[in-house]
Amino acid sequence: MPAEASPLSPEAFVFDAYGTLYDVYSVTARCESCWPGKGAPLAQLWRAKQLEYTWQRSLMQRYAPFSTVTREALAYACEALGLELSVAQMEGLMSEYLRLATYPDVTDSLSRLRTKHAILSNGSPDMLLPLVESSGLRFDAVISVDELKIFKPAPQVYELAAKKLKTEKSQIAFVSSNCWDALGAKSYGFSVYWINRGNAPVERLGFKPDRVLKSLDEILQ
C-alpha cells in the first residue's frame, strides 16, 4: 500500500511497545517447554485474550493493571486449551514478559533517531519498566496508561503522550504494528506509521495510516 501522505517530519516519535518494539510471541519457547506441542497455540490465544480484556475492561470502566490482565488472559488460555497451569508455570511465563525479545529492526532504528522519542503503552509500570531496562533501549519518556486507568485506543491515552512530551499532537508521529492502535492514534490527531510486518489489510475503522511500512528501519526514509 503506498503512503497516504508526504513524508513526515515530526518533532517527536511515540512508539507502541508490545508487538511493535517487543515481540510478544517470544514467550512461545517457554510455553512450549511447559506443554510440548501447545506452545504456539497458547501464545496466540494468550495474546488475543490479553487484547480483548483491555478493550472489554475499558468499555466496562473496570480497569485493572496490565499485569493482572495478562495473568487473567493466560489463565483463560490454558483452561480453554485444556492445560493445567501451576503457580510455578504462571510465574515463569509472566517473568518472560519482563524480558521479551526486541524485533531485529528495533535497536538500530531507534539509535538513528535524532528527535524526542517515547513509549506509550498499555503495559503497567511493574511490567513495562523492567522490560525497557532489560532491553537496554533508551527513551525520553516511558508512558503507561496506568496513570489514566483506561487502555488504548481511548483518545485520552494518546492525549497523555502529547502532554507528557509537551508537544502539539500535529507534531507527533505515532508508530505501531497494531493497526487498531495506529488508527486510534490517527483518530486522535497524530500522524501515524503502521509497521505492517505481516502484510495484513488495514482495519476498517474509518481511518487510514499516513504511512504503511514493512519494518521499523523505514521510519526515517
N, C-alpha and C. Protein backbone atom coordinates (compact mmCIF):
# COMPACT_ATOMS: atom_id res chain seq x y z
N MET A 1 0.85 -1.19 0.00
CA MET A 1 0.00 0.00 0.00
C MET A 1 0.89 1.24 0.00
N PRO A 2 0.67 2.21 -0.87
CA PRO A 2 1.51 3.39 -0.91
C PRO A 2 1.24 4.31 0.25
N ALA A 3 2.17 5.22 0.51
CA ALA A 3 1.99 6.20 1.58
C ALA A 3 0.76 7.04 1.29
N GLU A 4 0.04 7.41 2.35
CA GLU A 4 -1.16 8.22 2.21
C GLU A 4 -0.85 9.71 2.29
N ALA A 5 0.37 10.05 2.65
CA ALA A 5 0.71 11.46 2.82
C ALA A 5 2.18 11.65 2.49
N SER A 6 2.61 12.90 2.39
CA SER A 6 4.01 13.19 2.16
C SER A 6 4.83 12.75 3.37
N PRO A 7 6.14 12.54 3.21
CA PRO A 7 6.98 12.10 4.33
C PRO A 7 6.82 13.01 5.54
N LEU A 8 6.74 12.37 6.69
CA LEU A 8 6.51 13.11 7.92
C LEU A 8 7.82 13.68 8.46
N SER A 9 7.73 14.81 9.14
CA SER A 9 8.91 15.39 9.80
C SER A 9 8.50 15.80 11.21
N PRO A 10 8.24 14.83 12.06
CA PRO A 10 7.70 15.12 13.39
C PRO A 10 8.74 15.68 14.35
N GLU A 11 8.24 16.33 15.38
CA GLU A 11 9.11 16.77 16.47
C GLU A 11 9.37 15.64 17.45
N ALA A 12 8.49 14.66 17.46
CA ALA A 12 8.64 13.53 18.39
C ALA A 12 8.03 12.28 17.77
N PHE A 13 8.64 11.15 18.07
CA PHE A 13 8.09 9.85 17.73
C PHE A 13 7.59 9.19 19.02
N VAL A 14 6.41 8.61 18.96
CA VAL A 14 5.86 7.87 20.08
C VAL A 14 5.61 6.44 19.60
N PHE A 15 6.16 5.47 20.33
CA PHE A 15 6.11 4.07 19.92
C PHE A 15 5.21 3.26 20.84
N ASP A 16 4.40 2.42 20.24
CA ASP A 16 3.79 1.32 20.98
C ASP A 16 4.90 0.36 21.40
N ALA A 17 4.67 -0.37 22.49
CA ALA A 17 5.71 -1.29 22.96
C ALA A 17 5.46 -2.73 22.51
N TYR A 18 4.37 -3.31 22.99
CA TYR A 18 4.11 -4.74 22.77
C TYR A 18 3.66 -5.01 21.33
N GLY A 19 4.45 -5.81 20.64
CA GLY A 19 4.14 -6.14 19.26
C GLY A 19 4.78 -5.20 18.27
N THR A 20 5.30 -4.06 18.73
CA THR A 20 5.94 -3.09 17.86
C THR A 20 7.45 -3.08 18.09
N LEU A 21 7.86 -2.83 19.33
CA LEU A 21 9.27 -2.90 19.69
C LEU A 21 9.62 -4.28 20.26
N TYR A 22 8.71 -4.82 21.04
CA TYR A 22 8.95 -6.08 21.75
C TYR A 22 8.05 -7.18 21.21
N ASP A 23 8.64 -8.32 20.94
CA ASP A 23 7.94 -9.45 20.33
C ASP A 23 7.19 -10.26 21.38
N VAL A 24 5.88 -10.08 21.45
CA VAL A 24 5.09 -10.80 22.46
C VAL A 24 5.11 -12.31 22.24
N TYR A 25 5.43 -12.73 21.03
CA TYR A 25 5.45 -14.17 20.76
C TYR A 25 6.80 -14.81 21.09
N SER A 26 7.71 -14.01 21.65
CA SER A 26 8.95 -14.62 22.12
C SER A 26 8.72 -15.46 23.38
N VAL A 27 7.49 -15.42 23.92
CA VAL A 27 7.13 -16.30 25.04
C VAL A 27 6.86 -17.73 24.56
N THR A 28 6.77 -17.92 23.26
CA THR A 28 6.35 -19.22 22.73
C THR A 28 7.26 -20.35 23.18
N ALA A 29 8.57 -20.12 23.20
CA ALA A 29 9.50 -21.18 23.59
C ALA A 29 9.25 -21.63 25.02
N ARG A 30 8.98 -20.68 25.93
CA ARG A 30 8.70 -21.03 27.32
C ARG A 30 7.37 -21.78 27.41
N CYS A 31 6.38 -21.35 26.63
CA CYS A 31 5.10 -22.07 26.59
C CYS A 31 5.31 -23.50 26.11
N GLU A 32 6.12 -23.65 25.08
CA GLU A 32 6.38 -24.97 24.52
C GLU A 32 7.11 -25.87 25.51
N SER A 33 8.00 -25.28 26.31
CA SER A 33 8.73 -26.09 27.30
C SER A 33 7.79 -26.61 28.39
N CYS A 34 6.72 -25.88 28.64
CA CYS A 34 5.75 -26.31 29.65
C CYS A 34 4.78 -27.34 29.09
N TRP A 35 4.35 -27.13 27.84
CA TRP A 35 3.35 -28.00 27.22
C TRP A 35 3.78 -28.28 25.78
N PRO A 36 4.62 -29.30 25.58
CA PRO A 36 5.12 -29.60 24.24
C PRO A 36 3.98 -29.79 23.24
N GLY A 37 4.15 -29.14 22.09
CA GLY A 37 3.14 -29.21 21.04
C GLY A 37 2.04 -28.18 21.17
N LYS A 38 2.02 -27.45 22.29
CA LYS A 38 0.96 -26.47 22.53
C LYS A 38 1.49 -25.04 22.64
N GLY A 39 2.78 -24.87 22.47
CA GLY A 39 3.38 -23.55 22.70
C GLY A 39 2.83 -22.46 21.81
N ALA A 40 2.77 -22.71 20.51
CA ALA A 40 2.30 -21.68 19.59
C ALA A 40 0.81 -21.36 19.77
N PRO A 41 -0.07 -22.37 19.86
CA PRO A 41 -1.48 -22.05 20.09
C PRO A 41 -1.71 -21.31 21.40
N LEU A 42 -0.96 -21.67 22.43
CA LEU A 42 -1.11 -20.99 23.71
C LEU A 42 -0.68 -19.54 23.62
N ALA A 43 0.48 -19.29 23.02
CA ALA A 43 0.98 -17.92 22.90
C ALA A 43 0.00 -17.05 22.10
N GLN A 44 -0.57 -17.61 21.05
CA GLN A 44 -1.51 -16.85 20.23
C GLN A 44 -2.80 -16.53 20.97
N LEU A 45 -3.36 -17.53 21.66
CA LEU A 45 -4.60 -17.30 22.39
C LEU A 45 -4.36 -16.37 23.58
N TRP A 46 -3.25 -16.52 24.24
CA TRP A 46 -2.89 -15.64 25.36
C TRP A 46 -2.87 -14.19 24.91
N ARG A 47 -2.22 -13.93 23.81
CA ARG A 47 -2.15 -12.56 23.30
C ARG A 47 -3.53 -12.05 22.88
N ALA A 48 -4.30 -12.88 22.21
CA ALA A 48 -5.63 -12.46 21.76
C ALA A 48 -6.52 -12.09 22.94
N LYS A 49 -6.50 -12.91 23.99
CA LYS A 49 -7.35 -12.61 25.15
C LYS A 49 -6.82 -11.41 25.93
N GLN A 50 -5.52 -11.25 25.96
CA GLN A 50 -4.92 -10.09 26.62
C GLN A 50 -5.47 -8.80 26.00
N LEU A 51 -5.48 -8.73 24.68
CA LEU A 51 -6.01 -7.55 23.99
C LEU A 51 -7.51 -7.40 24.22
N GLU A 52 -8.23 -8.49 24.10
CA GLU A 52 -9.69 -8.43 24.30
C GLU A 52 -10.03 -7.91 25.68
N TYR A 53 -9.31 -8.36 26.68
CA TYR A 53 -9.62 -7.94 28.05
C TYR A 53 -9.34 -6.45 28.26
N THR A 54 -8.33 -5.90 27.58
CA THR A 54 -8.10 -4.46 27.72
C THR A 54 -9.28 -3.68 27.15
N TRP A 55 -9.77 -4.10 26.00
CA TRP A 55 -10.90 -3.39 25.38
C TRP A 55 -12.17 -3.56 26.22
N GLN A 56 -12.41 -4.78 26.66
CA GLN A 56 -13.63 -5.05 27.43
C GLN A 56 -13.62 -4.32 28.76
N ARG A 57 -12.48 -4.32 29.43
CA ARG A 57 -12.40 -3.61 30.71
C ARG A 57 -12.57 -2.10 30.52
N SER A 58 -12.04 -1.56 29.44
CA SER A 58 -12.23 -0.14 29.18
C SER A 58 -13.71 0.18 28.97
N LEU A 59 -14.40 -0.63 28.21
CA LEU A 59 -15.82 -0.40 27.96
C LEU A 59 -16.65 -0.56 29.23
N MET A 60 -16.25 -1.50 30.07
CA MET A 60 -16.94 -1.73 31.34
C MET A 60 -16.58 -0.70 32.41
N GLN A 61 -15.53 0.10 32.12
CA GLN A 61 -14.97 1.02 33.11
C GLN A 61 -14.54 0.27 34.37
N ARG A 62 -13.89 -0.87 34.14
CA ARG A 62 -13.38 -1.72 35.20
C ARG A 62 -11.90 -1.99 34.95
N TYR A 63 -11.11 -0.94 35.05
CA TYR A 63 -9.68 -1.05 34.77
C TYR A 63 -9.00 -1.99 35.77
N ALA A 64 -8.05 -2.73 35.27
CA ALA A 64 -7.10 -3.49 36.10
C ALA A 64 -5.74 -3.35 35.44
N PRO A 65 -4.66 -3.34 36.21
CA PRO A 65 -3.32 -3.20 35.62
C PRO A 65 -3.06 -4.28 34.56
N PHE A 66 -2.22 -3.93 33.60
CA PHE A 66 -1.91 -4.85 32.51
C PHE A 66 -1.33 -6.16 33.02
N SER A 67 -0.62 -6.11 34.13
CA SER A 67 -0.10 -7.36 34.70
C SER A 67 -1.24 -8.27 35.13
N THR A 68 -2.28 -7.71 35.71
CA THR A 68 -3.46 -8.51 36.09
C THR A 68 -4.16 -9.05 34.85
N VAL A 69 -4.35 -8.18 33.87
CA VAL A 69 -4.99 -8.59 32.62
C VAL A 69 -4.21 -9.73 31.96
N THR A 70 -2.90 -9.62 31.97
CA THR A 70 -2.05 -10.63 31.34
C THR A 70 -2.16 -11.97 32.07
N ARG A 71 -2.20 -11.93 33.39
CA ARG A 71 -2.40 -13.16 34.17
C ARG A 71 -3.75 -13.80 33.88
N GLU A 72 -4.78 -12.96 33.84
CA GLU A 72 -6.12 -13.49 33.60
C GLU A 72 -6.23 -14.08 32.20
N ALA A 73 -5.59 -13.44 31.23
CA ALA A 73 -5.61 -13.95 29.87
C ALA A 73 -4.89 -15.29 29.77
N LEU A 74 -3.77 -15.43 30.48
CA LEU A 74 -3.03 -16.70 30.49
C LEU A 74 -3.86 -17.79 31.13
N ALA A 75 -4.50 -17.50 32.25
CA ALA A 75 -5.33 -18.50 32.91
C ALA A 75 -6.47 -18.96 32.00
N TYR A 76 -7.09 -18.01 31.32
CA TYR A 76 -8.17 -18.36 30.39
C TYR A 76 -7.64 -19.23 29.26
N ALA A 77 -6.53 -18.81 28.66
CA ALA A 77 -6.00 -19.53 27.51
C ALA A 77 -5.64 -20.97 27.87
N CYS A 78 -5.05 -21.15 29.04
CA CYS A 78 -4.70 -22.50 29.47
C CYS A 78 -5.95 -23.35 29.68
N GLU A 79 -6.95 -22.79 30.33
CA GLU A 79 -8.19 -23.55 30.55
C GLU A 79 -8.86 -23.88 29.23
N ALA A 80 -8.89 -22.92 28.31
CA ALA A 80 -9.54 -23.15 27.02
C ALA A 80 -8.85 -24.25 26.23
N LEU A 81 -7.53 -24.37 26.40
CA LEU A 81 -6.77 -25.40 25.68
C LEU A 81 -6.60 -26.68 26.49
N GLY A 82 -7.22 -26.74 27.66
CA GLY A 82 -7.15 -27.94 28.49
C GLY A 82 -5.78 -28.17 29.10
N LEU A 83 -5.07 -27.10 29.44
CA LEU A 83 -3.73 -27.20 30.00
C LEU A 83 -3.77 -26.85 31.48
N GLU A 84 -3.25 -27.72 32.31
CA GLU A 84 -3.20 -27.45 33.75
C GLU A 84 -2.06 -26.48 34.04
N LEU A 85 -2.40 -25.39 34.71
CA LEU A 85 -1.44 -24.31 34.94
C LEU A 85 -1.09 -24.25 36.43
N SER A 86 0.16 -24.54 36.76
CA SER A 86 0.60 -24.46 38.15
C SER A 86 1.02 -23.03 38.49
N VAL A 87 1.17 -22.77 39.77
CA VAL A 87 1.64 -21.45 40.20
C VAL A 87 3.04 -21.19 39.64
N ALA A 88 3.88 -22.19 39.67
CA ALA A 88 5.25 -22.03 39.16
C ALA A 88 5.25 -21.72 37.67
N GLN A 89 4.37 -22.39 36.92
CA GLN A 89 4.29 -22.12 35.49
C GLN A 89 3.76 -20.72 35.22
N MET A 90 2.75 -20.31 35.98
CA MET A 90 2.22 -18.96 35.84
C MET A 90 3.32 -17.92 36.06
N GLU A 91 4.07 -18.06 37.15
CA GLU A 91 5.11 -17.08 37.47
C GLU A 91 6.24 -17.13 36.44
N GLY A 92 6.57 -18.32 35.98
CA GLY A 92 7.62 -18.44 34.98
C GLY A 92 7.25 -17.78 33.67
N LEU A 93 6.01 -17.96 33.25
CA LEU A 93 5.56 -17.37 32.00
C LEU A 93 5.40 -15.86 32.13
N MET A 94 4.91 -15.40 33.27
CA MET A 94 4.80 -13.96 33.48
C MET A 94 6.17 -13.30 33.48
N SER A 95 7.17 -14.00 33.99
CA SER A 95 8.52 -13.43 34.02
C SER A 95 9.08 -13.23 32.62
N GLU A 96 8.57 -14.00 31.65
CA GLU A 96 9.03 -13.84 30.28
C GLU A 96 8.66 -12.46 29.73
N TYR A 97 7.58 -11.90 30.24
CA TYR A 97 7.16 -10.58 29.78
C TYR A 97 8.10 -9.46 30.26
N LEU A 98 8.95 -9.77 31.21
CA LEU A 98 9.91 -8.77 31.69
C LEU A 98 11.19 -8.77 30.87
N ARG A 99 11.28 -9.70 29.93
CA ARG A 99 12.48 -9.79 29.09
C ARG A 99 12.14 -10.23 27.66
N LEU A 100 11.04 -9.73 27.16
CA LEU A 100 10.66 -10.04 25.78
C LEU A 100 11.78 -9.64 24.82
N ALA A 101 11.93 -10.40 23.76
CA ALA A 101 12.92 -10.06 22.74
C ALA A 101 12.45 -8.83 21.95
N THR A 102 13.39 -8.00 21.56
CA THR A 102 13.06 -6.92 20.63
C THR A 102 13.11 -7.48 19.21
N TYR A 103 12.37 -6.85 18.32
CA TYR A 103 12.45 -7.23 16.91
C TYR A 103 13.82 -6.84 16.36
N PRO A 104 14.29 -7.55 15.34
CA PRO A 104 15.64 -7.30 14.82
C PRO A 104 15.86 -5.89 14.31
N ASP A 105 14.79 -5.19 13.89
CA ASP A 105 14.95 -3.85 13.32
C ASP A 105 14.89 -2.73 14.34
N VAL A 106 14.76 -3.07 15.62
CA VAL A 106 14.47 -2.05 16.64
C VAL A 106 15.70 -1.25 17.07
N THR A 107 16.73 -1.92 17.52
CA THR A 107 17.87 -1.23 18.13
C THR A 107 18.52 -0.23 17.20
N ASP A 108 18.80 -0.65 15.97
CA ASP A 108 19.45 0.26 15.03
C ASP A 108 18.53 1.41 14.64
N SER A 109 17.24 1.11 14.45
CA SER A 109 16.30 2.15 14.06
C SER A 109 16.21 3.24 15.12
N LEU A 110 16.10 2.86 16.37
CA LEU A 110 16.00 3.84 17.44
C LEU A 110 17.30 4.63 17.61
N SER A 111 18.41 3.98 17.36
CA SER A 111 19.70 4.66 17.54
C SER A 111 19.89 5.78 16.52
N ARG A 112 19.16 5.72 15.41
CA ARG A 112 19.31 6.72 14.36
C ARG A 112 18.37 7.91 14.54
N LEU A 113 17.46 7.82 15.48
CA LEU A 113 16.53 8.93 15.70
C LEU A 113 17.24 10.10 16.37
N ARG A 114 16.99 11.30 15.89
CA ARG A 114 17.58 12.50 16.47
C ARG A 114 16.50 13.41 17.06
N THR A 115 15.29 12.92 17.11
CA THR A 115 14.18 13.66 17.72
C THR A 115 13.77 12.98 19.02
N LYS A 116 12.95 13.66 19.79
CA LYS A 116 12.41 13.05 21.01
C LYS A 116 11.68 11.77 20.64
N HIS A 117 11.82 10.75 21.48
CA HIS A 117 11.05 9.54 21.24
C HIS A 117 10.68 8.90 22.58
N ALA A 118 9.49 8.35 22.59
CA ALA A 118 8.90 7.83 23.82
C ALA A 118 8.12 6.56 23.53
N ILE A 119 7.83 5.84 24.60
CA ILE A 119 6.91 4.71 24.55
C ILE A 119 5.57 5.15 25.13
N LEU A 120 4.48 4.73 24.49
CA LEU A 120 3.14 4.87 25.04
C LEU A 120 2.51 3.49 25.00
N SER A 121 2.26 2.92 26.18
CA SER A 121 1.91 1.50 26.23
C SER A 121 0.76 1.22 27.19
N ASN A 122 0.03 0.16 26.85
CA ASN A 122 -0.97 -0.38 27.77
C ASN A 122 -0.31 -1.05 28.97
N GLY A 123 0.97 -1.32 28.88
CA GLY A 123 1.66 -2.02 29.96
C GLY A 123 1.66 -1.24 31.26
N SER A 124 1.47 -1.94 32.35
CA SER A 124 1.55 -1.31 33.66
C SER A 124 3.02 -1.18 34.05
N PRO A 125 3.35 -0.21 34.90
CA PRO A 125 4.76 0.04 35.22
C PRO A 125 5.51 -1.18 35.74
N ASP A 126 4.84 -2.06 36.47
CA ASP A 126 5.51 -3.23 37.02
C ASP A 126 5.98 -4.20 35.94
N MET A 127 5.38 -4.12 34.75
CA MET A 127 5.83 -4.93 33.62
C MET A 127 6.69 -4.13 32.65
N LEU A 128 6.27 -2.91 32.39
CA LEU A 128 6.87 -2.11 31.33
C LEU A 128 8.28 -1.62 31.68
N LEU A 129 8.46 -1.10 32.88
CA LEU A 129 9.76 -0.52 33.24
C LEU A 129 10.87 -1.57 33.30
N PRO A 130 10.64 -2.74 33.92
CA PRO A 130 11.69 -3.77 33.87
C PRO A 130 12.00 -4.24 32.46
N LEU A 131 10.98 -4.28 31.61
CA LEU A 131 11.20 -4.71 30.23
C LEU A 131 12.10 -3.73 29.49
N VAL A 132 11.80 -2.45 29.60
CA VAL A 132 12.62 -1.44 28.93
C VAL A 132 14.05 -1.48 29.45
N GLU A 133 14.19 -1.62 30.76
CA GLU A 133 15.54 -1.67 31.35
C GLU A 133 16.31 -2.88 30.86
N SER A 134 15.66 -4.03 30.80
CA SER A 134 16.36 -5.25 30.39
C SER A 134 16.76 -5.20 28.92
N SER A 135 16.01 -4.47 28.12
CA SER A 135 16.31 -4.39 26.69
C SER A 135 17.45 -3.43 26.38
N GLY A 136 17.73 -2.50 27.31
CA GLY A 136 18.77 -1.52 27.08
C GLY A 136 18.37 -0.37 26.17
N LEU A 137 17.12 -0.30 25.76
CA LEU A 137 16.66 0.81 24.93
C LEU A 137 16.49 2.07 25.78
N ARG A 138 16.66 3.22 25.17
CA ARG A 138 16.58 4.49 25.89
C ARG A 138 15.52 5.39 25.25
N PHE A 139 14.72 6.01 26.11
CA PHE A 139 13.63 6.87 25.65
C PHE A 139 13.59 8.15 26.49
N ASP A 140 13.00 9.18 25.90
CA ASP A 140 12.80 10.41 26.65
C ASP A 140 11.68 10.27 27.67
N ALA A 141 10.76 9.34 27.41
CA ALA A 141 9.68 9.07 28.36
C ALA A 141 9.14 7.67 28.09
N VAL A 142 8.75 7.00 29.17
CA VAL A 142 8.06 5.72 29.08
C VAL A 142 6.71 5.94 29.75
N ILE A 143 5.65 5.99 28.95
CA ILE A 143 4.34 6.41 29.42
C ILE A 143 3.40 5.22 29.46
N SER A 144 2.76 5.04 30.59
CA SER A 144 1.82 3.94 30.80
C SER A 144 0.40 4.46 30.93
N VAL A 145 -0.54 3.70 30.40
CA VAL A 145 -1.96 4.05 30.56
C VAL A 145 -2.40 3.95 32.01
N ASP A 146 -1.59 3.32 32.84
CA ASP A 146 -1.96 3.13 34.24
C ASP A 146 -2.26 4.46 34.93
N GLU A 147 -1.67 5.53 34.44
CA GLU A 147 -1.90 6.85 35.01
C GLU A 147 -3.35 7.30 34.82
N LEU A 148 -3.97 6.83 33.74
CA LEU A 148 -5.35 7.23 33.43
C LEU A 148 -6.38 6.16 33.77
N LYS A 149 -5.91 4.93 33.95
CA LYS A 149 -6.80 3.81 34.28
C LYS A 149 -7.79 3.51 33.15
N ILE A 150 -7.29 3.60 31.92
CA ILE A 150 -8.04 3.18 30.75
C ILE A 150 -7.04 2.81 29.67
N PHE A 151 -7.41 1.87 28.81
CA PHE A 151 -6.48 1.34 27.82
C PHE A 151 -6.64 2.01 26.46
N LYS A 152 -5.59 1.93 25.65
CA LYS A 152 -5.72 2.29 24.25
C LYS A 152 -6.77 1.40 23.59
N PRO A 153 -7.51 1.92 22.61
CA PRO A 153 -7.32 3.16 21.87
C PRO A 153 -8.18 4.34 22.36
N ALA A 154 -8.42 4.45 23.66
CA ALA A 154 -9.15 5.62 24.19
C ALA A 154 -8.37 6.89 23.84
N PRO A 155 -9.03 7.93 23.34
CA PRO A 155 -8.31 9.12 22.90
C PRO A 155 -7.51 9.82 23.99
N GLN A 156 -7.98 9.73 25.24
CA GLN A 156 -7.25 10.41 26.32
C GLN A 156 -5.87 9.79 26.56
N VAL A 157 -5.68 8.56 26.13
CA VAL A 157 -4.36 7.93 26.26
C VAL A 157 -3.36 8.61 25.32
N TYR A 158 -3.76 8.83 24.09
CA TYR A 158 -2.87 9.49 23.14
C TYR A 158 -2.64 10.94 23.56
N GLU A 159 -3.66 11.57 24.11
CA GLU A 159 -3.51 12.93 24.61
C GLU A 159 -2.47 12.99 25.73
N LEU A 160 -2.41 11.94 26.54
CA LEU A 160 -1.43 11.89 27.62
C LEU A 160 -0.02 11.99 27.08
N ALA A 161 0.25 11.33 25.96
CA ALA A 161 1.59 11.39 25.37
C ALA A 161 1.94 12.81 24.93
N ALA A 162 0.99 13.50 24.31
CA ALA A 162 1.24 14.88 23.89
C ALA A 162 1.54 15.77 25.09
N LYS A 163 0.81 15.56 26.18
CA LYS A 163 1.03 16.37 27.38
C LYS A 163 2.38 16.07 28.00
N LYS A 164 2.73 14.80 28.09
CA LYS A 164 4.00 14.42 28.70
C LYS A 164 5.19 14.95 27.91
N LEU A 165 5.07 14.94 26.60
CA LEU A 165 6.17 15.39 25.74
C LEU A 165 6.11 16.88 25.48
N LYS A 166 5.04 17.53 25.95
CA LYS A 166 4.86 18.97 25.74
C LYS A 166 5.01 19.33 24.26
N THR A 167 4.32 18.54 23.45
CA THR A 167 4.40 18.68 22.00
C THR A 167 2.99 18.67 21.42
N GLU A 168 2.73 19.54 20.46
CA GLU A 168 1.43 19.56 19.80
C GLU A 168 1.18 18.22 19.10
N LYS A 169 -0.07 17.76 19.15
CA LYS A 169 -0.35 16.45 18.57
C LYS A 169 -0.07 16.40 17.08
N SER A 170 -0.18 17.53 16.40
CA SER A 170 0.10 17.57 14.97
C SER A 170 1.58 17.38 14.66
N GLN A 171 2.42 17.49 15.69
CA GLN A 171 3.86 17.35 15.53
C GLN A 171 4.40 16.03 16.06
N ILE A 172 3.49 15.10 16.35
CA ILE A 172 3.88 13.79 16.87
C ILE A 172 3.55 12.72 15.84
N ALA A 173 4.50 11.83 15.60
CA ALA A 173 4.29 10.64 14.78
C ALA A 173 4.18 9.44 15.70
N PHE A 174 3.10 8.72 15.58
CA PHE A 174 2.87 7.53 16.39
C PHE A 174 3.20 6.31 15.55
N VAL A 175 3.92 5.36 16.15
CA VAL A 175 4.40 4.18 15.44
C VAL A 175 3.89 2.93 16.13
N SER A 176 3.16 2.10 15.39
CA SER A 176 2.65 0.86 15.97
C SER A 176 2.52 -0.20 14.90
N SER A 177 2.73 -1.45 15.29
CA SER A 177 2.47 -2.57 14.39
C SER A 177 1.07 -3.12 14.59
N ASN A 178 0.35 -2.59 15.58
CA ASN A 178 -1.04 -2.97 15.81
C ASN A 178 -1.93 -1.96 15.09
N CYS A 179 -2.61 -2.39 14.04
CA CYS A 179 -3.34 -1.45 13.21
C CYS A 179 -4.43 -0.73 14.00
N TRP A 180 -5.13 -1.43 14.89
CA TRP A 180 -6.18 -0.79 15.69
C TRP A 180 -5.60 0.35 16.54
N ASP A 181 -4.38 0.16 17.02
CA ASP A 181 -3.70 1.17 17.83
C ASP A 181 -3.29 2.36 16.96
N ALA A 182 -2.72 2.06 15.80
CA ALA A 182 -2.33 3.12 14.88
C ALA A 182 -3.53 3.97 14.49
N LEU A 183 -4.66 3.33 14.23
CA LEU A 183 -5.85 4.07 13.81
C LEU A 183 -6.48 4.82 14.98
N GLY A 184 -6.32 4.30 16.18
CA GLY A 184 -6.76 5.05 17.36
C GLY A 184 -5.97 6.33 17.50
N ALA A 185 -4.67 6.26 17.24
CA ALA A 185 -3.82 7.44 17.30
C ALA A 185 -4.15 8.41 16.17
N LYS A 186 -4.47 7.88 15.00
CA LYS A 186 -4.86 8.72 13.87
C LYS A 186 -6.18 9.43 14.17
N SER A 187 -7.10 8.73 14.77
CA SER A 187 -8.38 9.33 15.15
C SER A 187 -8.18 10.49 16.11
N TYR A 188 -7.21 10.35 17.02
CA TYR A 188 -6.93 11.41 17.98
C TYR A 188 -6.29 12.62 17.30
N GLY A 189 -5.48 12.40 16.28
CA GLY A 189 -4.86 13.53 15.60
C GLY A 189 -3.36 13.42 15.38
N PHE A 190 -2.77 12.28 15.74
CA PHE A 190 -1.36 12.06 15.44
C PHE A 190 -1.18 11.70 13.97
N SER A 191 -0.01 11.99 13.43
CA SER A 191 0.43 11.34 12.20
C SER A 191 0.84 9.91 12.58
N VAL A 192 0.66 8.99 11.65
CA VAL A 192 0.78 7.59 12.03
C VAL A 192 1.60 6.79 11.02
N TYR A 193 2.56 6.03 11.55
CA TYR A 193 3.24 4.99 10.80
C TYR A 193 2.70 3.65 11.29
N TRP A 194 2.18 2.86 10.37
CA TRP A 194 1.79 1.49 10.71
C TRP A 194 2.88 0.56 10.20
N ILE A 195 3.50 -0.18 11.12
CA ILE A 195 4.52 -1.16 10.75
C ILE A 195 3.80 -2.48 10.47
N ASN A 196 3.59 -2.75 9.21
CA ASN A 196 2.80 -3.91 8.78
C ASN A 196 3.72 -5.07 8.43
N ARG A 197 4.28 -5.70 9.45
CA ARG A 197 5.24 -6.79 9.23
C ARG A 197 4.58 -8.02 8.61
N GLY A 198 3.28 -8.19 8.85
CA GLY A 198 2.60 -9.39 8.39
C GLY A 198 1.81 -9.22 7.11
N ASN A 199 1.95 -8.08 6.43
CA ASN A 199 1.23 -7.82 5.18
C ASN A 199 -0.29 -7.98 5.35
N ALA A 200 -0.80 -7.45 6.42
CA ALA A 200 -2.23 -7.54 6.73
C ALA A 200 -3.00 -6.39 6.08
N PRO A 201 -4.29 -6.55 5.86
CA PRO A 201 -5.09 -5.43 5.36
C PRO A 201 -5.32 -4.40 6.46
N VAL A 202 -5.63 -3.18 6.06
CA VAL A 202 -5.93 -2.13 7.03
C VAL A 202 -7.28 -2.42 7.68
N GLU A 203 -7.34 -2.24 9.00
CA GLU A 203 -8.60 -2.41 9.73
C GLU A 203 -9.63 -1.39 9.23
N ARG A 204 -10.90 -1.80 9.23
CA ARG A 204 -11.99 -0.93 8.80
C ARG A 204 -12.52 -0.15 9.99
N LEU A 205 -11.84 0.94 10.33
CA LEU A 205 -12.23 1.75 11.48
C LEU A 205 -12.43 3.22 11.12
N GLY A 206 -12.51 3.50 9.82
CA GLY A 206 -12.81 4.85 9.41
C GLY A 206 -11.61 5.74 9.18
N PHE A 207 -10.41 5.21 9.36
CA PHE A 207 -9.19 5.98 9.17
C PHE A 207 -8.16 5.11 8.45
N LYS A 208 -7.14 5.77 7.90
CA LYS A 208 -6.01 5.08 7.30
C LYS A 208 -4.71 5.64 7.86
N PRO A 209 -3.68 4.81 7.96
CA PRO A 209 -2.38 5.33 8.40
C PRO A 209 -1.82 6.32 7.37
N ASP A 210 -0.97 7.23 7.83
CA ASP A 210 -0.28 8.12 6.91
C ASP A 210 0.75 7.38 6.08
N ARG A 211 1.43 6.43 6.72
CA ARG A 211 2.40 5.62 6.00
C ARG A 211 2.31 4.19 6.49
N VAL A 212 2.45 3.26 5.56
CA VAL A 212 2.46 1.83 5.87
C VAL A 212 3.83 1.30 5.49
N LEU A 213 4.54 0.76 6.47
CA LEU A 213 5.91 0.32 6.28
C LEU A 213 6.04 -1.16 6.60
N LYS A 214 7.06 -1.77 6.05
CA LYS A 214 7.30 -3.20 6.28
C LYS A 214 8.12 -3.44 7.55
N SER A 215 8.94 -2.45 7.93
CA SER A 215 9.79 -2.64 9.09
C SER A 215 10.09 -1.29 9.72
N LEU A 216 10.55 -1.34 10.94
CA LEU A 216 10.80 -0.12 11.70
C LEU A 216 11.93 0.71 11.11
N ASP A 217 12.86 0.05 10.44
CA ASP A 217 14.01 0.80 9.92
C ASP A 217 13.65 1.70 8.73
N GLU A 218 12.39 1.66 8.29
CA GLU A 218 11.95 2.54 7.21
C GLU A 218 11.41 3.88 7.71
N ILE A 219 11.34 4.08 9.03
CA ILE A 219 10.64 5.27 9.51
C ILE A 219 11.34 6.57 9.16
N LEU A 220 12.65 6.53 8.93
CA LEU A 220 13.39 7.74 8.60
C LEU A 220 13.65 7.89 7.10
N GLN A 221 13.08 7.01 6.32
CA GLN A 221 13.31 7.06 4.87
C GLN A 221 12.31 7.99 4.20
